[in-house]
Amino acid sequence: MEIKTLFIIIFAISLVFAISLIISSKENLSIELSKGKNYVRLNVSEMFYVETLVKLNPLIEAVSYKEENETIGYVNVFKGVGKNFVIQDREYEIVAKESTNLILP
């Protein structure tokens, strides 16, 4: 076998391996929402508003979290009702109309 052919085969195998690693790492970051209530811990590096999350995910009906004895919420109706709070590293209750994958900004 020629050196050139061997190099091409090794390069092709390496490329397939690298692509499979990229695809599997993206799947691990995916957050699946089922229809109805979902309790999700969002560990985000950059803060963003709940309104942005809802615009990116139109199947979300509501997002809320508990702070001390109070529930803070945002409902996806009439261009948004409730407090447009900042999404941070905490657990949220997300209500979805249908099953979907959550898209983060």
PDB file of N, CA and C in Angstrom:
ATOM      1  N   MET A   1       0.852  -1.163   0.000  1.00  0.00           N
ATOM      2  CA  MET A   1       0.000   0.000   0.000  1.00  0.00           C
ATOM      3  C   MET A   1       0.907   1.237   0.000  1.00  0.00           C
ATOM      4  N   GLU A   2       0.542   2.169  -0.806  1.00  0.00           N
ATOM      5  CA  GLU A   2       1.317   3.401  -0.901  1.00  0.00           C
ATOM      6  C   GLU A   2       1.138   4.255   0.355  1.00  0.00           C
ATOM      7  N   ILE A   3       2.130   5.049   0.646  1.00  0.00           N
ATOM      8  CA  ILE A   3       2.080   5.971   1.790  1.00  0.00           C
ATOM      9  C   ILE A   3       0.934   6.953   1.610  1.00  0.00           C
ATOM     10  N   LYS A   4       0.738   7.420   0.380  1.00  0.00           N
ATOM     11  CA  LYS A   4      -0.323   8.398   0.093  1.00  0.00           C
ATOM     12  C   LYS A   4      -1.702   7.793   0.389  1.00  0.00           C
ATOM     13  N   THR A   5      -1.944   6.579  -0.022  1.00  0.00           N
ATOM     14  CA  THR A   5      -3.216   5.908   0.222  1.00  0.00           C
ATOM     15  C   THR A   5      -3.433   5.686   1.718  1.00  0.00           C
ATOM     16  N   LEU A   6      -2.379   5.247   2.406  1.00  0.00           N
ATOM     17  CA  LEU A   6      -2.459   5.033   3.841  1.00  0.00           C
ATOM     18  C   LEU A   6      -2.780   6.352   4.565  1.00  0.00           C
ATOM     19  N   PHE A   7      -2.145   7.429   4.155  1.00  0.00           N
ATOM     20  CA  PHE A   7      -2.400   8.746   4.745  1.00  0.00           C
ATOM     21  C   PHE A   7      -3.857   9.157   4.527  1.00  0.00           C
ATOM     22  N   ILE A   8      -4.401   8.937   3.351  1.00  0.00           N
ATOM     23  CA  ILE A   8      -5.792   9.294   3.052  1.00  0.00           C
ATOM     24  C   ILE A   8      -6.751   8.481   3.923  1.00  0.00           C
ATOM     25  N   ILE A   9      -6.482   7.207   4.108  1.00  0.00           N
ATOM     26  CA  ILE A   9      -7.341   6.352   4.925  1.00  0.00           C
ATOM     27  C   ILE A   9      -7.305   6.813   6.383  1.00  0.00           C
ATOM     28  N   ILE A  10      -6.116   7.087   6.908  1.00  0.00           N
ATOM     29  CA  ILE A  10      -5.998   7.546   8.300  1.00  0.00           C
ATOM     30  C   ILE A  10      -6.690   8.897   8.471  1.00  0.00           C
ATOM     31  N   PHE A  11      -6.527   9.785   7.501  1.00  0.00           N
ATOM     32  CA  PHE A  11      -7.179  11.104   7.561  1.00  0.00           C
ATOM     33  C   PHE A  11      -8.702  10.948   7.553  1.00  0.00           C
ATOM     34  N   ALA A  12      -9.238  10.083   6.701  1.00  0.00           N
ATOM     35  CA  ALA A  12     -10.686   9.878   6.603  1.00  0.00           C
ATOM     36  C   ALA A  12     -11.242   9.318   7.915  1.00  0.00           C
ATOM     37  N   ILE A  13     -10.546   8.357   8.496  1.00  0.00           N
ATOM     38  CA  ILE A  13     -10.990   7.776   9.769  1.00  0.00           C
ATOM     39  C   ILE A  13     -10.968   8.836  10.869  1.00  0.00           C
ATOM     40  N   SER A  14      -9.930   9.640  10.907  1.00  0.00           N
ATOM     41  CA  SER A  14      -9.831  10.717  11.909  1.00  0.00           C
ATOM     42  C   SER A  14     -10.948  11.732  11.738  1.00  0.00           C
ATOM     43  N   LEU A  15     -11.266  12.060  10.506  1.00  0.00           N
ATOM     44  CA  LEU A  15     -12.327  13.025  10.225  1.00  0.00           C
ATOM     45  C   LEU A  15     -13.689  12.494  10.677  1.00  0.00           C
ATOM     46  N   VAL A  16     -13.967  11.237  10.383  1.00  0.00           N
ATOM     47  CA  VAL A  16     -15.233  10.626  10.809  1.00  0.00           C
ATOM     48  C   VAL A  16     -15.317  10.606  12.339  1.00  0.00           C
ATOM     49  N   PHE A  17     -14.240  10.275  13.003  1.00  0.00           N
ATOM     50  CA  PHE A  17     -14.216  10.262  14.469  1.00  0.00           C
ATOM     51  C   PHE A  17     -14.475  11.657  15.026  1.00  0.00           C
ATOM     52  N   ALA A  18     -13.829  12.685  14.469  1.00  0.00           N
ATOM     53  CA  ALA A  18     -14.016  14.056  14.951  1.00  0.00           C
ATOM     54  C   ALA A  18     -15.452  14.522  14.751  1.00  0.00           C
ATOM     55  N   ILE A  19     -16.040  14.208  13.611  1.00  0.00           N
ATOM     56  CA  ILE A  19     -17.426  14.603  13.344  1.00  0.00           C
ATOM     57  C   ILE A  19     -18.372  13.903  14.304  1.00  0.00           C
ATOM     58  N   SER A  20     -18.142  12.636  14.592  1.00  0.00           N
ATOM     59  CA  SER A  20     -19.016  11.918  15.525  1.00  0.00           C
ATOM     60  C   SER A  20     -18.916  12.498  16.938  1.00  0.00           C
ATOM     61  N   LEU A  21     -17.726  12.948  17.346  1.00  0.00           N
ATOM     62  CA  LEU A  21     -17.578  13.579  18.656  1.00  0.00           C
ATOM     63  C   LEU A  21     -18.344  14.898  18.721  1.00  0.00           C
ATOM     64  N   ILE A  22     -18.279  15.677  17.664  1.00  0.00           N
ATOM     65  CA  ILE A  22     -18.995  16.953  17.621  1.00  0.00           C
ATOM     66  C   ILE A  22     -20.490  16.718  17.703  1.00  0.00           C
ATOM     67  N   ILE A  23     -21.001  15.775  16.945  1.00  0.00           N
ATOM     68  CA  ILE A  23     -22.443  15.485  16.944  1.00  0.00           C
ATOM     69  C   ILE A  23     -22.888  14.986  18.309  1.00  0.00           C
ATOM     70  N   SER A  24     -22.139  14.091  18.923  1.00  0.00           N
ATOM     71  CA  SER A  24     -22.550  13.555  20.223  1.00  0.00           C
ATOM     72  C   SER A  24     -22.488  14.624  21.307  1.00  0.00           C
ATOM     73  N   SER A  25     -21.536  15.546  21.238  1.00  0.00           N
ATOM     74  CA  SER A  25     -21.473  16.593  22.264  1.00  0.00           C
ATOM     75  C   SER A  25     -22.632  17.562  22.119  1.00  0.00           C
ATOM     76  N   LYS A  26     -23.101  17.826  20.917  1.00  0.00           N
ATOM     77  CA  LYS A  26     -24.256  18.693  20.724  1.00  0.00           C
ATOM     78  C   LYS A  26     -25.517  18.025  21.237  1.00  0.00           C
ATOM     79  N   GLU A  27     -25.630  16.715  21.081  1.00  0.00           N
ATOM     80  CA  GLU A  27     -26.802  15.999  21.574  1.00  0.00           C
ATOM     81  C   GLU A  27     -26.851  16.027  23.097  1.00  0.00           C
ATOM     82  N   ASN A  28     -25.693  15.993  23.753  1.00  0.00           N
ATOM     83  CA  ASN A  28     -25.664  16.025  25.207  1.00  0.00           C
ATOM     84  C   ASN A  28     -26.121  17.373  25.753  1.00  0.00           C
ATOM     85  N   LEU A  29     -25.952  18.446  24.978  1.00  0.00           N
ATOM     86  CA  LEU A  29     -26.351  19.770  25.423  1.00  0.00           C
ATOM     87  C   LEU A  29     -27.830  20.019  25.189  1.00  0.00           C
ATOM     88  N   SER A  30     -28.482  19.155  24.448  1.00  0.00           N
ATOM     89  CA  SER A  30     -29.889  19.332  24.124  1.00  0.00           C
ATOM     90  C   SER A  30     -30.754  19.058  25.353  1.00  0.00           C
ATOM     91  N   ILE A  31     -31.734  19.934  25.567  1.00  0.00           N
ATOM     92  CA  ILE A  31     -32.674  19.747  26.664  1.00  0.00           C
ATOM     93  C   ILE A  31     -34.031  19.445  26.047  1.00  0.00           C
ATOM     94  N   GLU A  32     -34.536  18.262  26.325  1.00  0.00           N
ATOM     95  CA  GLU A  32     -35.829  17.865  25.785  1.00  0.00           C
ATOM     96  C   GLU A  32     -36.935  18.262  26.751  1.00  0.00           C
ATOM     97  N   LEU A  33     -37.963  18.883  26.192  1.00  0.00           N
ATOM     98  CA  LEU A  33     -39.150  19.220  26.971  1.00  0.00           C
ATOM     99  C   LEU A  33     -40.283  18.315  26.520  1.00  0.00           C
ATOM    100  N   SER A  34     -40.995  17.736  27.467  1.00  0.00           N
ATOM    101  CA  SER A  34     -42.169  16.950  27.111  1.00  0.00           C
ATOM    102  C   SER A  34     -43.400  17.848  27.238  1.00  0.00           C
ATOM    103  N   LYS A  35     -44.483  17.404  26.645  1.00  0.00           N
ATOM    104  CA  LYS A  35     -45.737  18.160  26.724  1.00  0.00           C
ATOM    105  C   LYS A  35     -46.149  18.281  28.186  1.00  0.00           C
ATOM    106  N   GLY A  36     -46.490  19.492  28.604  1.00  0.00           N
ATOM    107  CA  GLY A  36     -46.884  19.717  29.987  1.00  0.00           C
ATOM    108  C   GLY A  36     -45.761  20.303  30.814  1.00  0.00           C
ATOM    109  N   LYS A  37     -45.767  19.987  32.129  1.00  0.00           N
ATOM    110  CA  LYS A  37     -44.786  20.552  33.055  1.00  0.00           C
ATOM    111  C   LYS A  37     -43.441  19.848  32.955  1.00  0.00           C
ATOM    112  N   ASN A  38     -42.380  20.656  32.962  1.00  0.00           N
ATOM    113  CA  ASN A  38     -41.011  20.165  32.958  1.00  0.00           C
ATOM    114  C   ASN A  38     -40.239  20.939  34.016  1.00  0.00           C
ATOM    115  N   TYR A  39     -39.437  20.242  34.787  1.00  0.00           N
ATOM    116  CA  TYR A  39     -38.571  20.906  35.751  1.00  0.00           C
ATOM    117  C   TYR A  39     -37.152  20.797  35.219  1.00  0.00           C
ATOM    118  N   VAL A  40     -36.590  21.960  34.893  1.00  0.00           N
ATOM    119  CA  VAL A  40     -35.311  22.002  34.191  1.00  0.00           C
ATOM    120  C   VAL A  40     -34.353  22.925  34.933  1.00  0.00           C
ATOM    121  N   ARG A  41     -33.159  22.458  35.154  1.00  0.00           N
ATOM    122  CA  ARG A  41     -32.105  23.324  35.714  1.00  0.00           C
ATOM    123  C   ARG A  41     -31.325  23.884  34.542  1.00  0.00           C
ATOM    124  N   LEU A  42     -31.381  25.198  34.384  1.00  0.00           N
ATOM    125  CA  LEU A  42     -30.654  25.860  33.309  1.00  0.00           C
ATOM    126  C   LEU A  42     -29.354  26.407  33.871  1.00  0.00           C
ATOM    127  N   ASN A  43     -28.265  25.850  33.413  1.00  0.00           N
ATOM    128  CA  ASN A  43     -26.932  26.271  33.832  1.00  0.00           C
ATOM    129  C   ASN A  43     -26.353  27.083  32.681  1.00  0.00           C
ATOM    130  N   VAL A  44     -26.587  28.390  32.692  1.00  0.00           N
ATOM    131  CA  VAL A  44     -26.204  29.246  31.571  1.00  0.00           C
ATOM    132  C   VAL A  44     -24.984  30.082  31.943  1.00  0.00           C
ATOM    133  N   SER A  45     -24.127  30.311  30.950  1.00  0.00           N
ATOM    134  CA  SER A  45     -22.937  31.130  31.191  1.00  0.00           C
ATOM    135  C   SER A  45     -23.241  32.615  30.973  1.00  0.00           C
ATOM    136  N   GLU A  46     -24.150  32.909  30.051  1.00  0.00           N
ATOM    137  CA  GLU A  46     -24.545  34.287  29.800  1.00  0.00           C
ATOM    138  C   GLU A  46     -26.016  34.447  30.140  1.00  0.00           C
ATOM    139  N   MET A  47     -26.322  35.476  30.894  1.00  0.00           N
ATOM    140  CA  MET A  47     -27.710  35.702  31.295  1.00  0.00           C
ATOM    141  C   MET A  47     -28.509  36.277  30.125  1.00  0.00           C
ATOM    142  N   PHE A  48     -29.788  35.947  30.094  1.00  0.00           N
ATOM    143  CA  PHE A  48     -30.709  36.475  29.095  1.00  0.00           C
ATOM    144  C   PHE A  48     -32.097  36.507  29.718  1.00  0.00           C
ATOM    145  N   TYR A  49     -33.017  37.223  29.083  1.00  0.00           N
ATOM    146  CA  TYR A  49     -34.366  37.371  29.625  1.00  0.00           C
ATOM    147  C   TYR A  49     -35.270  36.229  29.191  1.00  0.00           C
ATOM    148  N   VAL A  50     -36.258  35.930  30.009  1.00  0.00           N
ATOM    149  CA  VAL A  50     -37.211  34.862  29.727  1.00  0.00           C
ATOM    150  C   VAL A  50     -37.964  35.152  28.428  1.00  0.00           C
ATOM    151  N   GLU A  51     -38.219  36.408  28.126  1.00  0.00           N
ATOM    152  CA  GLU A  51     -38.898  36.772  26.885  1.00  0.00           C
ATOM    153  C   GLU A  51     -38.117  36.259  25.668  1.00  0.00           C
ATOM    154  N   THR A  52     -36.798  36.333  25.725  1.00  0.00           N
ATOM    155  CA  THR A  52     -35.952  35.819  24.641  1.00  0.00           C
ATOM    156  C   THR A  52     -36.092  34.308  24.522  1.00  0.00           C
ATOM    157  N   LEU A  53     -36.111  33.621  25.663  1.00  0.00           N
ATOM    158  CA  LEU A  53     -36.273  32.166  25.672  1.00  0.00           C
ATOM    159  C   LEU A  53     -37.595  31.763  25.028  1.00  0.00           C
ATOM    160  N   VAL A  54     -38.665  32.474  25.358  1.00  0.00           N
ATOM    161  CA  VAL A  54     -39.992  32.160  24.827  1.00  0.00           C
ATOM    162  C   VAL A  54     -40.067  32.463  23.330  1.00  0.00           C
ATOM    163  N   LYS A  55     -39.431  33.540  22.889  1.00  0.00           N
ATOM    164  CA  LYS A  55     -39.426  33.858  21.454  1.00  0.00           C
ATOM    165  C   LYS A  55     -38.694  32.796  20.651  1.00  0.00           C
ATOM    166  N   LEU A  56     -37.621  32.252  21.214  1.00  0.00           N
ATOM    167  CA  LEU A  56     -36.876  31.188  20.538  1.00  0.00           C
ATOM    168  C   LEU A  56     -37.600  29.847  20.577  1.00  0.00           C
ATOM    169  N   ASN A  57     -38.504  29.697  21.533  1.00  0.00           N
ATOM    170  CA  ASN A  57     -39.225  28.442  21.752  1.00  0.00           C
ATOM    171  C   ASN A  57     -40.719  28.712  21.840  1.00  0.00           C
ATOM    172  N   PRO A  58     -41.380  28.917  20.698  1.00  0.00           N
ATOM    173  CA  PRO A  58     -42.800  29.292  20.718  1.00  0.00           C
ATOM    174  C   PRO A  58     -43.736  28.239  21.312  1.00  0.00           C
ATOM    175  N   LEU A  59     -43.262  27.019  21.515  1.00  0.00           N
ATOM    176  CA  LEU A  59     -44.101  25.989  22.127  1.00  0.00           C
ATOM    177  C   LEU A  59     -44.136  26.095  23.648  1.00  0.00           C
ATOM    178  N   ILE A  60     -43.357  27.023  24.217  1.00  0.00           N
ATOM    179  CA  ILE A  60     -43.403  27.243  25.663  1.00  0.00           C
ATOM    180  C   ILE A  60     -44.638  28.066  25.990  1.00  0.00           C
ATOM    181  N   GLU A  61     -45.425  27.581  26.941  1.00  0.00           N
ATOM    182  CA  GLU A  61     -46.606  28.314  27.412  1.00  0.00           C
ATOM    183  C   GLU A  61     -46.277  29.191  28.612  1.00  0.00           C
ATOM    184  N   ALA A  62     -45.415  28.706  29.515  1.00  0.00           N
ATOM    185  CA  ALA A  62     -45.087  29.460  30.722  1.00  0.00           C
ATOM    186  C   ALA A  62     -43.745  29.015  31.283  1.00  0.00           C
ATOM    187  N   VAL A  63     -43.089  29.953  31.968  1.00  0.00           N
ATOM    188  CA  VAL A  63     -41.836  29.669  32.670  1.00  0.00           C
ATOM    189  C   VAL A  63     -41.941  30.307  34.046  1.00  0.00           C
ATOM    190  N   SER A  64     -41.569  29.552  35.076  1.00  0.00           N
ATOM    191  CA  SER A  64     -41.617  30.111  36.428  1.00  0.00           C
ATOM    192  C   SER A  64     -40.527  29.490  37.291  1.00  0.00           C
ATOM    193  N   TYR A  65     -40.268  30.163  38.419  1.00  0.00           N
ATOM    194  CA  TYR A  65     -39.343  29.639  39.417  1.00  0.00           C
ATOM    195  C   TYR A  65     -39.791  30.120  40.790  1.00  0.00           C
ATOM    196  N   LYS A  66     -39.324  29.435  41.818  1.00  0.00           N
ATOM    197  CA  LYS A  66     -39.681  29.814  43.189  1.00  0.00           C
ATOM    198  C   LYS A  66     -38.509  30.522  43.833  1.00  0.00           C
ATOM    199  N   GLU A  67     -38.847  31.612  44.511  1.00  0.00           N
ATOM    200  CA  GLU A  67     -37.849  32.366  45.263  1.00  0.00           C
ATOM    201  C   GLU A  67     -38.432  32.616  46.645  1.00  0.00           C
ATOM    202  N   GLU A  68     -37.833  31.966  47.624  1.00  0.00           N
ATOM    203  CA  GLU A  68     -38.350  31.965  48.993  1.00  0.00           C
ATOM    204  C   GLU A  68     -39.780  31.423  48.968  1.00  0.00           C
ATOM    205  N   ASN A  69     -40.790  32.207  49.358  1.00  0.00           N
ATOM    206  CA  ASN A  69     -42.175  31.732  49.374  1.00  0.00           C
ATOM    207  C   ASN A  69     -42.986  32.264  48.200  1.00  0.00           C
ATOM    208  N   GLU A  70     -42.313  32.793  47.184  1.00  0.00           N
ATOM    209  CA  GLU A  70     -43.003  33.431  46.060  1.00  0.00           C
ATOM    210  C   GLU A  70     -42.667  32.726  44.744  1.00  0.00           C
ATOM    211  N   THR A  71     -43.669  32.594  43.880  1.00  0.00           N
ATOM    212  CA  THR A  71     -43.446  32.055  42.534  1.00  0.00           C
ATOM    213  C   THR A  71     -43.425  33.224  41.564  1.00  0.00           C
ATOM    214  N   ILE A  72     -42.336  33.302  40.784  1.00  0.00           N
ATOM    215  CA  ILE A  72     -42.165  34.343  39.772  1.00  0.00           C
ATOM    216  C   ILE A  72     -42.428  33.671  38.434  1.00  0.00           C
ATOM    217  N   GLY A  73     -43.309  34.251  37.603  1.00  0.00           N
ATOM    218  CA  GLY A  73     -43.667  33.596  36.361  1.00  0.00           C
ATOM    219  C   GLY A  73     -43.826  34.524  35.174  1.00  0.00           C
ATOM    220  N   TYR A  74     -43.766  33.916  34.003  1.00  0.00           N
ATOM    221  CA  TYR A  74     -43.944  34.607  32.722  1.00  0.00           C
ATOM    222  C   TYR A  74     -44.782  33.682  31.844  1.00  0.00           C
ATOM    223  N   VAL A  75     -45.873  34.205  31.291  1.00  0.00           N
ATOM    224  CA  VAL A  75     -46.788  33.413  30.472  1.00  0.00           C
ATOM    225  C   VAL A  75     -46.721  33.915  29.032  1.00  0.00           C
ATOM    226  N   ASN A  76     -46.638  32.994  28.106  1.00  0.00           N
ATOM    227  CA  ASN A  76     -46.529  33.318  26.688  1.00  0.00           C
ATOM    228  C   ASN A  76     -47.926  33.559  26.097  1.00  0.00           C
ATOM    229  N   VAL A  77     -48.510  34.717  26.415  1.00  0.00           N
ATOM    230  CA  VAL A  77     -49.813  35.103  25.889  1.00  0.00           C
ATOM    231  C   VAL A  77     -49.824  36.625  25.783  1.00  0.00           C
ATOM    232  N   PHE A  78     -50.491  37.160  24.803  1.00  0.00           N
ATOM    233  CA  PHE A  78     -50.576  38.616  24.606  1.00  0.00           C
ATOM    234  C   PHE A  78     -49.193  39.268  24.612  1.00  0.00           C
ATOM    235  N   LYS A  79     -48.255  38.672  23.882  1.00  0.00           N
ATOM    236  CA  LYS A  79     -46.866  39.158  23.806  1.00  0.00           C
ATOM    237  C   LYS A  79     -46.151  39.120  25.151  1.00  0.00           C
ATOM    238  N   GLY A  80     -46.604  38.279  26.046  1.00  0.00           N
ATOM    239  CA  GLY A  80     -45.943  38.068  27.328  1.00  0.00           C
ATOM    240  C   GLY A  80     -46.623  38.745  28.491  1.00  0.00           C
ATOM    241  N   VAL A  81     -46.986  37.947  29.489  1.00  0.00           N
ATOM    242  CA  VAL A  81     -47.619  38.453  30.705  1.00  0.00           C
ATOM    243  C   VAL A  81     -46.792  37.969  31.889  1.00  0.00           C
ATOM    244  N   GLY A  82     -46.526  38.869  32.811  1.00  0.00           N
ATOM    245  CA  GLY A  82     -45.749  38.525  33.993  1.00  0.00           C
ATOM    246  C   GLY A  82     -44.430  39.263  33.978  1.00  0.00           C
ATOM    247  N   LYS A  83     -43.548  38.835  34.848  1.00  0.00           N
ATOM    248  CA  LYS A  83     -42.251  39.498  34.982  1.00  0.00           C
ATOM    249  C   LYS A  83     -41.263  38.942  33.956  1.00  0.00           C
ATOM    250  N   ASN A  84     -40.641  39.842  33.195  1.00  0.00           N
ATOM    251  CA  ASN A  84     -39.617  39.451  32.232  1.00  0.00           C
ATOM    252  C   ASN A  84     -38.289  39.316  32.985  1.00  0.00           C
ATOM    253  N   PHE A  85     -38.135  38.210  33.717  1.00  0.00           N
ATOM    254  CA  PHE A  85     -36.975  38.016  34.582  1.00  0.00           C
ATOM    255  C   PHE A  85     -35.773  37.496  33.802  1.00  0.00           C
ATOM    256  N   VAL A  86     -34.628  37.606  34.437  1.00  0.00           N
ATOM    257  CA  VAL A  86     -33.364  37.139  33.855  1.00  0.00           C
ATOM    258  C   VAL A  86     -33.208  35.655  34.164  1.00  0.00           C
ATOM    259  N   ILE A  87     -32.899  34.878  33.128  1.00  0.00           N
ATOM    260  CA  ILE A  87     -32.627  33.444  33.298  1.00  0.00           C
ATOM    261  C   ILE A  87     -31.225  33.309  33.879  1.00  0.00           C
ATOM    262  N   GLN A  88     -31.141  32.600  34.996  1.00  0.00           N
ATOM    263  CA  GLN A  88     -29.865  32.378  35.671  1.00  0.00           C
ATOM    264  C   GLN A  88     -29.708  30.897  35.964  1.00  0.00           C
ATOM    265  N   ASP A  89     -28.662  30.561  36.663  1.00  0.00           N
ATOM    266  CA  ASP A  89     -28.403  29.171  37.035  1.00  0.00           C
ATOM    267  C   ASP A  89     -29.326  28.773  38.183  1.00  0.00           C
ATOM    268  N   ARG A  90     -30.510  28.227  37.829  1.00  0.00           N
ATOM    269  CA  ARG A  90     -31.477  27.753  38.820  1.00  0.00           C
ATOM    270  C   ARG A  90     -32.465  26.820  38.139  1.00  0.00           C
ATOM    271  N   GLU A  91     -33.334  26.218  38.927  1.00  0.00           N
ATOM    272  CA  GLU A  91     -34.351  25.317  38.380  1.00  0.00           C
ATOM    273  C   GLU A  91     -35.600  26.110  38.013  1.00  0.00           C
ATOM    274  N   TYR A  92     -36.146  25.794  36.840  1.00  0.00           N
ATOM    275  CA  TYR A  92     -37.353  26.448  36.339  1.00  0.00           C
ATOM    276  C   TYR A  92     -38.416  25.404  36.045  1.00  0.00           C
ATOM    277  N   GLU A  93     -39.657  25.800  36.190  1.00  0.00           N
ATOM    278  CA  GLU A  93     -40.769  24.995  35.708  1.00  0.00           C
ATOM    279  C   GLU A  93     -41.133  25.570  34.345  1.00  0.00           C
ATOM    280  N   ILE A  94     -41.037  24.751  33.325  1.00  0.00           N
ATOM    281  CA  ILE A  94     -41.362  25.179  31.965  1.00  0.00           C
ATOM    282  C   ILE A  94     -42.533  24.334  31.477  1.00  0.00           C
ATOM    283  N   VAL A  95     -43.610  24.998  31.084  1.00  0.00           N
ATOM    284  CA  VAL A  95     -44.794  24.308  30.571  1.00  0.00           C
ATOM    285  C   VAL A  95     -44.758  24.417  29.053  1.00  0.00           C
ATOM    286  N   ALA A  96     -44.803  23.262  28.377  1.00  0.00           N
ATOM    287  CA  ALA A  96     -44.734  23.218  26.924  1.00  0.00           C
ATOM    288  C   ALA A  96     -46.040  22.707  26.338  1.00  0.00           C
ATOM    289  N   LYS A  97     -46.441  23.307  25.199  1.00  0.00           N
ATOM    290  CA  LYS A  97     -47.660  22.879  24.498  1.00  0.00           C
ATOM    291  C   LYS A  97     -47.492  21.486  23.913  1.00  0.00           C
ATOM    292  N   GLU A  98     -46.307  21.225  23.394  1.00  0.00           N
ATOM    293  CA  GLU A  98     -45.955  19.942  22.764  1.00  0.00           C
ATOM    294  C   GLU A  98     -44.530  19.580  23.144  1.00  0.00           C
ATOM    295  N   SER A  99     -44.145  18.357  22.915  1.00  0.00           N
ATOM    296  CA  SER A  99     -42.763  17.941  23.137  1.00  0.00           C
ATOM    297  C   SER A  99     -41.850  18.658  22.151  1.00  0.00           C
ATOM    298  N   THR A 100     -40.707  19.113  22.643  1.00  0.00           N
ATOM    299  CA  THR A 100     -39.780  19.860  21.802  1.00  0.00           C
ATOM    300  C   THR A 100     -38.399  19.856  22.440  1.00  0.00           C
ATOM    301  N   ASN A 101     -37.400  20.269  21.689  1.00  0.00           N
ATOM    302  CA  ASN A 101     -36.062  20.478  22.218  1.00  0.00           C
ATOM    303  C   ASN A 101     -35.912  21.951  22.534  1.00  0.00           C
ATOM    304  N   LEU A 102     -35.421  22.262  23.714  1.00  0.00           N
ATOM    305  CA  LEU A 102     -35.268  23.643  24.148  1.00  0.00           C
ATOM    306  C   LEU A 102     -34.090  24.280  23.426  1.00  0.00           C
ATOM    307  N   ILE A 103     -34.328  25.452  22.855  1.00  0.00           N
ATOM    308  CA  ILE A 103     -33.291  26.223  22.176  1.00  0.00           C
ATOM    309  C   ILE A 103     -32.870  27.361  23.101  1.00  0.00           C
ATOM    310  N   LEU A 104     -31.574  27.445  23.378  1.00  0.00           N
ATOM    311  CA  LEU A 104     -31.050  28.521  24.218  1.00  0.00           C
ATOM    312  C   LEU A 104     -30.320  29.535  23.339  1.00  0.00           C
ATOM    313  N   PRO A 105     -30.367  30.810  23.734  1.00  0.00           N
ATOM    314  CA  PRO A 105     -29.649  31.829  22.927  1.00  0.00           C
ATOM    315  C   PRO A 105     -28.147  31.672  23.035  1.00  0.00           C
TER     316      PRO A 105
END
